[in-house]
Amino acid sequence: AEHDFGSFEFAGRKFFFKIDYFDAAMEFGSEDPADPAKTTRVLTI
């Protein structure tokens, strides 16, 4: 229930998106994705 992944079809193609959580420096995973001060969100389509 985090809305961090989705899929859909459009123009005859299937697409995915996902959201990953990195630390503020973008070096490691975030230790707390619920804290925006500690997290950089990356959405990939």
All heavy atoms as atom14 arrays in JSON, in Angstrom:
{
  "sequence": "AEHDFGSFEFAGRKFFFKIDYFDAAMEFGSEDPADPAKTTRVLTI",
  "atom14_mask": [
    [1, 1, 1, 1, 1, 0, 0, 0, 0, 0, 0, 0, 0, 0],
    [1, 1, 1, 1, 1, 1, 1, 1, 1, 0, 0, 0, 0, 0],
    [1, 1, 1, 1, 1, 1, 1, 1, 1, 1, 0, 0, 0, 0],
    [1, 1, 1, 1, 1, 1, 1, 1, 0, 0, 0, 0, 0, 0],
    [1, 1, 1, 1, 1, 1, 1, 1, 1, 1, 1, 0, 0, 0],
    [1, 1, 1, 1, 0, 0, 0, 0, 0, 0, 0, 0, 0, 0],
    [1, 1, 1, 1, 1, 1, 0, 0, 0, 0, 0, 0, 0, 0],
    [1, 1, 1, 1, 1, 1, 1, 1, 1, 1, 1, 0, 0, 0],
    [1, 1, 1, 1, 1, 1, 1, 1, 1, 0, 0, 0, 0, 0],
    [1, 1, 1, 1, 1, 1, 1, 1, 1, 1, 1, 0, 0, 0],
    [1, 1, 1, 1, 1, 0, 0, 0, 0, 0, 0, 0, 0, 0],
    [1, 1, 1, 1, 0, 0, 0, 0, 0, 0, 0, 0, 0, 0],
    [1, 1, 1, 1, 1, 1, 1, 1, 1, 1, 1, 0, 0, 0],
    [1, 1, 1, 1, 1, 1, 1, 1, 1, 0, 0, 0, 0, 0],
    [1, 1, 1, 1, 1, 1, 1, 1, 1, 1, 1, 0, 0, 0],
    [1, 1, 1, 1, 1, 1, 1, 1, 1, 1, 1, 0, 0, 0],
    [1, 1, 1, 1, 1, 1, 1, 1, 1, 1, 1, 0, 0, 0],
    [1, 1, 1, 1, 1, 1, 1, 1, 1, 0, 0, 0, 0, 0],
    [1, 1, 1, 1, 1, 1, 1, 1, 0, 0, 0, 0, 0, 0],
    [1, 1, 1, 1, 1, 1, 1, 1, 0, 0, 0, 0, 0, 0],
    [1, 1, 1, 1, 1, 1, 1, 1, 1, 1, 1, 1, 0, 0],
    [1, 1, 1, 1, 1, 1, 1, 1, 1, 1, 1, 0, 0, 0],
    [1, 1, 1, 1, 1, 1, 1, 1, 0, 0, 0, 0, 0, 0],
    [1, 1, 1, 1, 1, 0, 0, 0, 0, 0, 0, 0, 0, 0],
    [1, 1, 1, 1, 1, 0, 0, 0, 0, 0, 0, 0, 0, 0],
    [1, 1, 1, 1, 1, 1, 1, 1, 0, 0, 0, 0, 0, 0],
    [1, 1, 1, 1, 1, 1, 1, 1, 1, 0, 0, 0, 0, 0],
    [1, 1, 1, 1, 1, 1, 1, 1, 1, 1, 1, 0, 0, 0],
    [1, 1, 1, 1, 0, 0, 0, 0, 0, 0, 0, 0, 0, 0],
    [1, 1, 1, 1, 1, 1, 0, 0, 0, 0, 0, 0, 0, 0],
    [1, 1, 1, 1, 1, 1, 1, 1, 1, 0, 0, 0, 0, 0],
    [1, 1, 1, 1, 1, 1, 1, 1, 0, 0, 0, 0, 0, 0],
    [1, 1, 1, 1, 1, 1, 1, 0, 0, 0, 0, 0, 0, 0],
    [1, 1, 1, 1, 1, 0, 0, 0, 0, 0, 0, 0, 0, 0],
    [1, 1, 1, 1, 1, 1, 1, 1, 0, 0, 0, 0, 0, 0],
    [1, 1, 1, 1, 1, 1, 1, 0, 0, 0, 0, 0, 0, 0],
    [1, 1, 1, 1, 1, 0, 0, 0, 0, 0, 0, 0, 0, 0],
    [1, 1, 1, 1, 1, 1, 1, 1, 1, 0, 0, 0, 0, 0],
    [1, 1, 1, 1, 1, 1, 1, 0, 0, 0, 0, 0, 0, 0],
    [1, 1, 1, 1, 1, 1, 1, 0, 0, 0, 0, 0, 0, 0],
    [1, 1, 1, 1, 1, 1, 1, 1, 1, 1, 1, 0, 0, 0],
    [1, 1, 1, 1, 1, 1, 1, 0, 0, 0, 0, 0, 0, 0],
    [1, 1, 1, 1, 1, 1, 1, 1, 0, 0, 0, 0, 0, 0],
    [1, 1, 1, 1, 1, 1, 1, 0, 0, 0, 0, 0, 0, 0],
    [1, 1, 1, 1, 1, 1, 1, 1, 0, 0, 0, 0, 0, 0]
  ],
  "atom14_positions": [
    [[0.83, -1.22, 0.0], [0.0, 0.0, 0.0], [0.86, 1.26, 0.0], [0.53, 2.25, 0.66], [-0.97, -0.01, 1.18], [0.0, 0.0, 0.0], [0.0, 0.0, 0.0], [0.0, 0.0, 0.0], [0.0, 0.0, 0.0], [0.0, 0.0, 0.0], [0.0, 0.0, 0.0], [0.0, 0.0, 0.0], [0.0, 0.0, 0.0], [0.0, 0.0, 0.0]],
    [[1.95, 1.24, -0.78], [2.84, 2.39, -0.85], [2.78, 3.12, -2.2], [3.42, 4.14, -2.37], [4.28, 1.95, -0.56], [4.47, 1.48, 0.86], [5.88, 1.0, 1.16], [6.7, 0.83, 0.22], [6.17, 0.77, 2.35], [0.0, 0.0, 0.0], [0.0, 0.0, 0.0], [0.0, 0.0, 0.0], [0.0, 0.0, 0.0], [0.0, 0.0, 0.0]],
    [[2.03, 2.59, -3.15], [1.89, 3.2, -4.49], [3.26, 3.46, -5.13], [3.48, 4.49, -5.74], [1.07, 4.5, -4.42], [-0.34, 4.3, -4.01], [-1.26, 5.31, -4.05], [-1.02, 3.2, -3.56], [-2.44, 4.86, -3.62], [-2.3, 3.58, -3.32], [0.0, 0.0, 0.0], [0.0, 0.0, 0.0], [0.0, 0.0, 0.0], [0.0, 0.0, 0.0]],
    [[4.14, 2.46, -5.01], [5.5, 2.61, -5.53], [5.75, 1.85, -6.83], [6.86, 1.85, -7.35], [6.52, 2.19, -4.48], [6.36, 0.75, -4.04], [5.36, 0.09, -4.42], [7.24, 0.25, -3.31], [0.0, 0.0, 0.0], [0.0, 0.0, 0.0], [0.0, 0.0, 0.0], [0.0, 0.0, 0.0], [0.0, 0.0, 0.0], [0.0, 0.0, 0.0]],
    [[4.71, 1.23, -7.38], [4.84, 0.5, -8.63], [3.49, 0.52, -9.33], [2.45, 0.49, -8.67], [5.25, -0.96, -8.37], [5.39, -1.77, -9.63], [6.58, -1.79, -10.33], [4.32, -2.5, -10.12], [6.7, -2.53, -11.5], [4.44, -3.23, -11.28], [5.63, -3.25, -11.98], [0.0, 0.0, 0.0], [0.0, 0.0, 0.0], [0.0, 0.0, 0.0]],
    [[3.52, 0.58, -10.65], [2.28, 0.51, -11.4], [2.54, 0.03, -12.81], [3.67, 0.08, -13.3], [0.0, 0.0, 0.0], [0.0, 0.0, 0.0], [0.0, 0.0, 0.0], [0.0, 0.0, 0.0], [0.0, 0.0, 0.0], [0.0, 0.0, 0.0], [0.0, 0.0, 0.0], [0.0, 0.0, 0.0], [0.0, 0.0, 0.0], [0.0, 0.0, 0.0]],
    [[1.49, -0.45, -13.44], [1.59, -0.87, -14.83], [0.31, -0.48, -15.55], [-0.75, -0.37, -14.95], [1.84, -2.37, -14.94], [0.72, -3.1, -14.49], [0.0, 0.0, 0.0], [0.0, 0.0, 0.0], [0.0, 0.0, 0.0], [0.0, 0.0, 0.0], [0.0, 0.0, 0.0], [0.0, 0.0, 0.0], [0.0, 0.0, 0.0], [0.0, 0.0, 0.0]],
    [[0.46, -0.26, -16.85], [-0.7, 0.1, -17.67], [-0.33, -0.12, -19.13], [0.84, -0.27, -19.48], [-1.12, 1.55, -17.44], [-0.04, 2.56, -17.71], [0.12, 3.13, -18.97], [0.84, 2.94, -16.7], [1.13, 4.06, -19.21], [1.85, 3.86, -16.94], [1.99, 4.42, -18.2], [0.0, 0.0, 0.0], [0.0, 0.0, 0.0], [0.0, 0.0, 0.0]],
    [[-1.35, -0.16, -19.96], [-1.13, -0.27, -21.4], [-1.53, 1.03, -22.05], [-2.51, 1.67, -21.65], [-1.93, -1.43, -21.95], [-1.38, -2.77, -21.48], [-2.01, -3.96, -22.16], [-2.6, -3.81, -23.24], [-1.89, -5.05, -21.59], [0.0, 0.0, 0.0], [0.0, 0.0, 0.0], [0.0, 0.0, 0.0], [0.0, 0.0, 0.0], [0.0, 0.0, 0.0]],
    [[-0.75, 1.42, -23.04], [-1.02, 2.64, -23.8], [-0.39, 2.5, -25.18], [0.73, 2.01, -25.29], [-0.47, 3.87, -23.08], [-0.75, 5.15, -23.79], [-2.01, 5.72, -23.76], [0.23, 5.77, -24.53], [-2.29, 6.88, -24.45], [-0.03, 6.94, -25.21], [-1.29, 7.5, -25.18], [0.0, 0.0, 0.0], [0.0, 0.0, 0.0], [0.0, 0.0, 0.0]],
    [[-1.1, 2.91, -26.19], [-0.61, 2.89, -27.57], [-0.1, 1.5, -27.96], [0.91, 1.38, -28.65], [0.45, 3.96, -27.78], [0.0, 0.0, 0.0], [0.0, 0.0, 0.0], [0.0, 0.0, 0.0], [0.0, 0.0, 0.0], [0.0, 0.0, 0.0], [0.0, 0.0, 0.0], [0.0, 0.0, 0.0], [0.0, 0.0, 0.0], [0.0, 0.0, 0.0]],
    [[-0.78, 0.48, -27.48], [-0.41, -0.88, -27.83], [0.82, -1.42, -27.12], [1.33, -2.48, -27.48], [0.0, 0.0, 0.0], [0.0, 0.0, 0.0], [0.0, 0.0, 0.0], [0.0, 0.0, 0.0], [0.0, 0.0, 0.0], [0.0, 0.0, 0.0], [0.0, 0.0, 0.0], [0.0, 0.0, 0.0], [0.0, 0.0, 0.0], [0.0, 0.0, 0.0]],
    [[1.32, -0.71, -26.1], [2.51, -1.13, -25.37], [2.19, -1.22, -23.88], [1.33, -0.5, -23.38], [3.65, -0.11, -25.54], [3.99, 0.3, -26.96], [4.73, -0.72, -27.78], [6.05, -1.08, -27.34], [7.17, -0.53, -27.78], [7.14, 0.46, -28.63], [8.33, -0.96, -27.34], [0.0, 0.0, 0.0], [0.0, 0.0, 0.0], [0.0, 0.0, 0.0]],
    [[2.91, -2.06, -23.19], [2.76, -2.16, -21.74], [3.89, -1.39, -21.08], [5.05, -1.53, -21.46], [2.77, -3.61, -21.27], [2.5, -3.73, -19.79], [2.04, -5.09, -19.4], [1.64, -5.04, -17.94], [0.71, -6.06, -17.59], [0.0, 0.0, 0.0], [0.0, 0.0, 0.0], [0.0, 0.0, 0.0], [0.0, 0.0, 0.0], [0.0, 0.0, 0.0]],
    [[3.53, -0.57, -20.08], [4.48, 0.27, -19.37], [4.47, -0.08, -17.89], [3.44, -0.47, -17.34], [4.11, 1.75, -19.53], [4.25, 2.26, -20.92], [3.21, 2.13, -21.83], [5.43, 2.86, -21.34], [3.34, 2.6, -23.13], [5.56, 3.34, -22.63], [4.51, 3.2, -23.53], [0.0, 0.0, 0.0], [0.0, 0.0, 0.0], [0.0, 0.0, 0.0]],
    [[5.61, 0.11, -17.26], [5.75, 0.01, -15.81], [6.33, 1.33, -15.3], [7.06, 2.02, -16.02], [6.74, -1.09, -15.39], [6.34, -2.49, -15.66], [7.31, -3.47, -15.82], [5.01, -2.87, -15.73], [6.96, -4.79, -16.05], [4.65, -4.19, -15.96], [5.63, -5.15, -16.12], [0.0, 0.0, 0.0], [0.0, 0.0, 0.0], [0.0, 0.0, 0.0]],
    [[6.02, 1.64, -14.05], [6.78, 2.67, -13.36], [7.09, 2.14, -11.98], [6.37, 1.29, -11.44], [6.02, 4.01, -13.29], [4.92, 4.05, -12.28], [5.18, 4.32, -10.94], [3.62, 3.8, -12.65], [4.17, 4.35, -10.01], [2.6, 3.82, -11.73], [2.87, 4.09, -10.4], [0.0, 0.0, 0.0], [0.0, 0.0, 0.0], [0.0, 0.0, 0.0]],
    [[8.18, 2.61, -11.41], [8.54, 2.23, -10.05], [9.22, 3.41, -9.37], [9.83, 4.25, -10.02], [9.41, 0.99, -10.01], [10.76, 1.12, -10.67], [11.42, -0.22, -10.86], [12.58, -0.6, -10.12], [13.44, -0.12, -9.26], [0.0, 0.0, 0.0], [0.0, 0.0, 0.0], [0.0, 0.0, 0.0], [0.0, 0.0, 0.0], [0.0, 0.0, 0.0]],
    [[9.04, 3.46, -8.08], [9.69, 4.5, -7.27], [10.67, 3.8, -6.34], [10.32, 2.87, -5.62], [8.67, 5.31, -6.46], [7.7, 6.04, -7.39], [9.38, 6.3, -5.53], [6.56, 6.76, -6.69], [0.0, 0.0, 0.0], [0.0, 0.0, 0.0], [0.0, 0.0, 0.0], [0.0, 0.0, 0.0], [0.0, 0.0, 0.0], [0.0, 0.0, 0.0]],
    [[11.92, 4.25, -6.39], [12.96, 3.75, -5.5], [13.33, 4.85, -4.53], [13.14, 6.04, -4.8], [14.19, 3.33, -6.31], [13.92, 2.11, -7.17], [13.54, 1.07, -6.61], [14.07, 2.2, -8.4], [0.0, 0.0, 0.0], [0.0, 0.0, 0.0], [0.0, 0.0, 0.0], [0.0, 0.0, 0.0], [0.0, 0.0, 0.0], [0.0, 0.0, 0.0]],
    [[13.9, 4.44, -3.4], [14.23, 5.37, -2.32], [15.73, 5.35, -2.05], [16.28, 4.31, -1.68], [13.49, 4.98, -1.03], [12.04, 4.63, -1.25], [11.61, 3.31, -1.15], [11.1, 5.61, -1.56], [10.28, 2.99, -1.34], [9.78, 5.3, -1.76], [9.37, 3.98, -1.65], [8.05, 3.67, -1.86], [0.0, 0.0, 0.0], [0.0, 0.0, 0.0]],
    [[16.38, 6.48, -2.24], [17.81, 6.6, -1.99], [18.05, 7.58, -0.86], [17.2, 8.41, -0.55], [18.53, 7.09, -3.25], [18.5, 6.08, -4.37], [17.48, 6.11, -5.3], [19.47, 5.1, -4.45], [17.44, 5.18, -6.33], [19.43, 4.16, -5.48], [18.41, 4.2, -6.41], [0.0, 0.0, 0.0], [0.0, 0.0, 0.0], [0.0, 0.0, 0.0]],
    [[19.24, 7.51, -0.27], [19.6, 8.5, 0.74], [19.77, 9.85, 0.04], [19.76, 9.94, -1.19], [20.84, 8.08, 1.51], [22.11, 8.03, 0.68], [22.08, 8.32, -0.54], [23.16, 7.7, 1.24], [0.0, 0.0, 0.0], [0.0, 0.0, 0.0], [0.0, 0.0, 0.0], [0.0, 0.0, 0.0], [0.0, 0.0, 0.0], [0.0, 0.0, 0.0]],
    [[19.93, 10.9, 0.81], [20.01, 12.26, 0.25], [21.18, 12.42, -0.7], [21.12, 13.19, -1.66], [20.08, 13.29, 1.38], [0.0, 0.0, 0.0], [0.0, 0.0, 0.0], [0.0, 0.0, 0.0], [0.0, 0.0, 0.0], [0.0, 0.0, 0.0], [0.0, 0.0, 0.0], [0.0, 0.0, 0.0], [0.0, 0.0, 0.0], [0.0, 0.0, 0.0]],
    [[22.28, 11.68, -0.47], [23.46, 11.78, -1.32], [23.36, 10.87, -2.56], [24.27, 10.88, -3.38], [24.71, 11.43, -0.52], [0.0, 0.0, 0.0], [0.0, 0.0, 0.0], [0.0, 0.0, 0.0], [0.0, 0.0, 0.0], [0.0, 0.0, 0.0], [0.0, 0.0, 0.0], [0.0, 0.0, 0.0], [0.0, 0.0, 0.0], [0.0, 0.0, 0.0]],
    [[22.31, 10.1, -2.66], [22.1, 9.18, -3.79], [23.2, 8.11, -3.85], [23.59, 7.68, -4.93], [22.02, 9.93, -5.12], [20.86, 10.86, -5.26], [19.31, 10.01, -5.59], [19.61, 9.29, -7.17], [0.0, 0.0, 0.0], [0.0, 0.0, 0.0], [0.0, 0.0, 0.0], [0.0, 0.0, 0.0], [0.0, 0.0, 0.0], [0.0, 0.0, 0.0]],
    [[23.7, 7.7, -2.69], [24.73, 6.67, -2.65], [24.2, 5.32, -2.2], [24.7, 4.28, -2.61], [25.86, 7.11, -1.73], [26.63, 8.3, -2.25], [27.74, 8.74, -1.31], [28.01, 8.03, -0.32], [28.33, 9.79, -1.56], [0.0, 0.0, 0.0], [0.0, 0.0, 0.0], [0.0, 0.0, 0.0], [0.0, 0.0, 0.0], [0.0, 0.0, 0.0]],
    [[23.2, 5.33, -1.32], [22.67, 4.11, -0.72], [21.15, 4.2, -0.69], [20.57, 5.24, -0.96], [23.21, 3.94, 0.71], [24.7, 3.95, 0.79], [25.38, 5.08, 1.23], [25.45, 2.85, 0.4], [26.76, 5.11, 1.3], [26.83, 2.87, 0.47], [27.49, 4.0, 0.92], [0.0, 0.0, 0.0], [0.0, 0.0, 0.0], [0.0, 0.0, 0.0]],
    [[20.53, 3.11, -0.29], [19.09, 3.14, -0.08], [18.76, 4.0, 1.13], [19.57, 4.14, 2.05], [0.0, 0.0, 0.0], [0.0, 0.0, 0.0], [0.0, 0.0, 0.0], [0.0, 0.0, 0.0], [0.0, 0.0, 0.0], [0.0, 0.0, 0.0], [0.0, 0.0, 0.0], [0.0, 0.0, 0.0], [0.0, 0.0, 0.0], [0.0, 0.0, 0.0]],
    [[17.58, 4.59, 1.11], [17.15, 5.42, 2.23], [16.88, 4.55, 3.45], [16.29, 3.49, 3.35], [15.88, 6.18, 1.87], [15.37, 6.86, 2.99], [0.0, 0.0, 0.0], [0.0, 0.0, 0.0], [0.0, 0.0, 0.0], [0.0, 0.0, 0.0], [0.0, 0.0, 0.0], [0.0, 0.0, 0.0], [0.0, 0.0, 0.0], [0.0, 0.0, 0.0]],
    [[17.3, 5.04, 4.6], [17.01, 4.3, 5.84], [15.58, 4.52, 6.29], [15.06, 3.74, 7.09], [18.0, 4.69, 6.94], [17.91, 6.14, 7.36], [18.97, 6.52, 8.37], [20.16, 6.27, 8.09], [18.61, 7.08, 9.41], [0.0, 0.0, 0.0], [0.0, 0.0, 0.0], [0.0, 0.0, 0.0], [0.0, 0.0, 0.0], [0.0, 0.0, 0.0]],
    [[14.91, 5.56, 5.79], [13.52, 5.82, 6.17], [12.77, 6.54, 5.05], [12.75, 7.77, 5.01], [13.47, 6.66, 7.45], [12.05, 6.87, 7.96], [11.1, 6.33, 7.36], [11.9, 7.59, 8.96], [0.0, 0.0, 0.0], [0.0, 0.0, 0.0], [0.0, 0.0, 0.0], [0.0, 0.0, 0.0], [0.0, 0.0, 0.0], [0.0, 0.0, 0.0]],
    [[12.16, 5.8, 4.12], [11.43, 6.42, 3.01], [10.26, 7.31, 3.44], [9.76, 8.09, 2.63], [10.94, 5.24, 2.19], [11.82, 4.11, 2.55], [12.21, 4.35, 3.99], [0.0, 0.0, 0.0], [0.0, 0.0, 0.0], [0.0, 0.0, 0.0], [0.0, 0.0, 0.0], [0.0, 0.0, 0.0], [0.0, 0.0, 0.0], [0.0, 0.0, 0.0]],
    [[9.85, 7.22, 4.68], [8.77, 8.08, 5.18], [9.28, 9.46, 5.59], [8.5, 10.35, 5.87], [8.06, 7.42, 6.36], [0.0, 0.0, 0.0], [0.0, 0.0, 0.0], [0.0, 0.0, 0.0], [0.0, 0.0, 0.0], [0.0, 0.0, 0.0], [0.0, 0.0, 0.0], [0.0, 0.0, 0.0], [0.0, 0.0, 0.0], [0.0, 0.0, 0.0]],
    [[10.6, 9.63, 5.6], [11.2, 10.91, 5.99], [11.8, 11.58, 4.76], [12.86, 11.18, 4.28], [12.28, 10.68, 7.05], [12.88, 11.96, 7.58], [12.65, 13.05, 6.99], [13.6, 11.88, 8.59], [0.0, 0.0, 0.0], [0.0, 0.0, 0.0], [0.0, 0.0, 0.0], [0.0, 0.0, 0.0], [0.0, 0.0, 0.0], [0.0, 0.0, 0.0]],
    [[11.14, 12.64, 4.25], [11.65, 13.27, 3.03], [13.03, 13.92, 3.21], [13.75, 14.1, 2.23], [10.6, 14.31, 2.68], [9.68, 14.41, 3.82], [9.9, 13.21, 4.7], [0.0, 0.0, 0.0], [0.0, 0.0, 0.0], [0.0, 0.0, 0.0], [0.0, 0.0, 0.0], [0.0, 0.0, 0.0], [0.0, 0.0, 0.0], [0.0, 0.0, 0.0]],
    [[13.42, 14.24, 4.43], [14.74, 14.82, 4.67], [15.85, 13.78, 4.49], [17.0, 14.14, 4.25], [14.8, 15.43, 6.06], [0.0, 0.0, 0.0], [0.0, 0.0, 0.0], [0.0, 0.0, 0.0], [0.0, 0.0, 0.0], [0.0, 0.0, 0.0], [0.0, 0.0, 0.0], [0.0, 0.0, 0.0], [0.0, 0.0, 0.0], [0.0, 0.0, 0.0]],
    [[15.5, 12.51, 4.61], [16.48, 11.43, 4.48], [16.36, 10.67, 3.17], [17.05, 9.69, 2.96], [16.28, 10.42, 5.62], [16.57, 10.96, 6.99], [16.36, 9.88, 8.02], [16.68, 10.38, 9.41], [16.42, 9.34, 10.41], [0.0, 0.0, 0.0], [0.0, 0.0, 0.0], [0.0, 0.0, 0.0], [0.0, 0.0, 0.0], [0.0, 0.0, 0.0]],
    [[15.46, 11.11, 2.29], [15.13, 10.31, 1.11], [15.08, 11.13, -0.16], [14.49, 12.21, -0.19], [13.75, 9.63, 1.31], [13.77, 8.89, 2.52], [13.41, 8.71, 0.16], [0.0, 0.0, 0.0], [0.0, 0.0, 0.0], [0.0, 0.0, 0.0], [0.0, 0.0, 0.0], [0.0, 0.0, 0.0], [0.0, 0.0, 0.0], [0.0, 0.0, 0.0]],
    [[15.71, 10.61, -1.2], [15.54, 11.11, -2.56], [14.75, 10.06, -3.32], [15.2, 8.92, -3.44], [16.89, 11.36, -3.25], [17.62, 12.33, -2.51], [16.69, 11.86, -4.68], [0.0, 0.0, 0.0], [0.0, 0.0, 0.0], [0.0, 0.0, 0.0], [0.0, 0.0, 0.0], [0.0, 0.0, 0.0], [0.0, 0.0, 0.0], [0.0, 0.0, 0.0]],
    [[13.57, 10.43, -3.79], [12.74, 9.51, -4.56], [13.16, 9.55, -6.03], [13.41, 10.62, -6.56], [11.27, 9.89, -4.42], [10.71, 9.47, -3.11], [9.25, 9.9, -2.9], [8.67, 9.05, -1.89], [9.05, 9.03, -0.63], [10.0, 9.84, -0.21], [8.49, 8.2, 0.24], [0.0, 0.0, 0.0], [0.0, 0.0, 0.0], [0.0, 0.0, 0.0]],
    [[13.2, 8.38, -6.65], [13.51, 8.28, -8.07], [12.4, 7.45, -8.72], [12.21, 6.28, -8.38], [14.88, 7.62, -8.32], [15.13, 7.47, -9.82], [15.99, 8.44, -7.67], [0.0, 0.0, 0.0], [0.0, 0.0, 0.0], [0.0, 0.0, 0.0], [0.0, 0.0, 0.0], [0.0, 0.0, 0.0], [0.0, 0.0, 0.0], [0.0, 0.0, 0.0]],
    [[11.67, 8.09, -9.61], [10.6, 7.43, -10.35], [11.15, 7.08, -11.73], [11.66, 7.94, -12.44], [9.4, 8.36, -10.48], [8.18, 7.77, -11.17], [6.92, 8.38, -10.57], [8.18, 8.02, -12.65], [0.0, 0.0, 0.0], [0.0, 0.0, 0.0], [0.0, 0.0, 0.0], [0.0, 0.0, 0.0], [0.0, 0.0, 0.0], [0.0, 0.0, 0.0]],
    [[11.08, 5.8, -12.08], [11.55, 5.34, -13.39], [10.36, 4.83, -14.18], [9.59, 4.0, -13.68], [12.6, 4.22, -13.23], [13.65, 4.68, -12.39], [13.14, 3.79, -14.58], [0.0, 0.0, 0.0], [0.0, 0.0, 0.0], [0.0, 0.0, 0.0], [0.0, 0.0, 0.0], [0.0, 0.0, 0.0], [0.0, 0.0, 0.0], [0.0, 0.0, 0.0]],
    [[10.23, 5.33, -15.4], [9.17, 4.91, -16.32], [9.84, 4.06, -17.4], [10.85, 4.47, -17.98], [8.47, 6.12, -16.96], [7.9, 7.04, -15.87], [7.37, 5.65, -17.91], [7.43, 8.39, -16.37], [0.0, 0.0, 0.0], [0.0, 0.0, 0.0], [0.0, 0.0, 0.0], [0.0, 0.0, 0.0], [0.0, 0.0, 0.0], [0.0, 0.0, 0.0]]
  ]
}
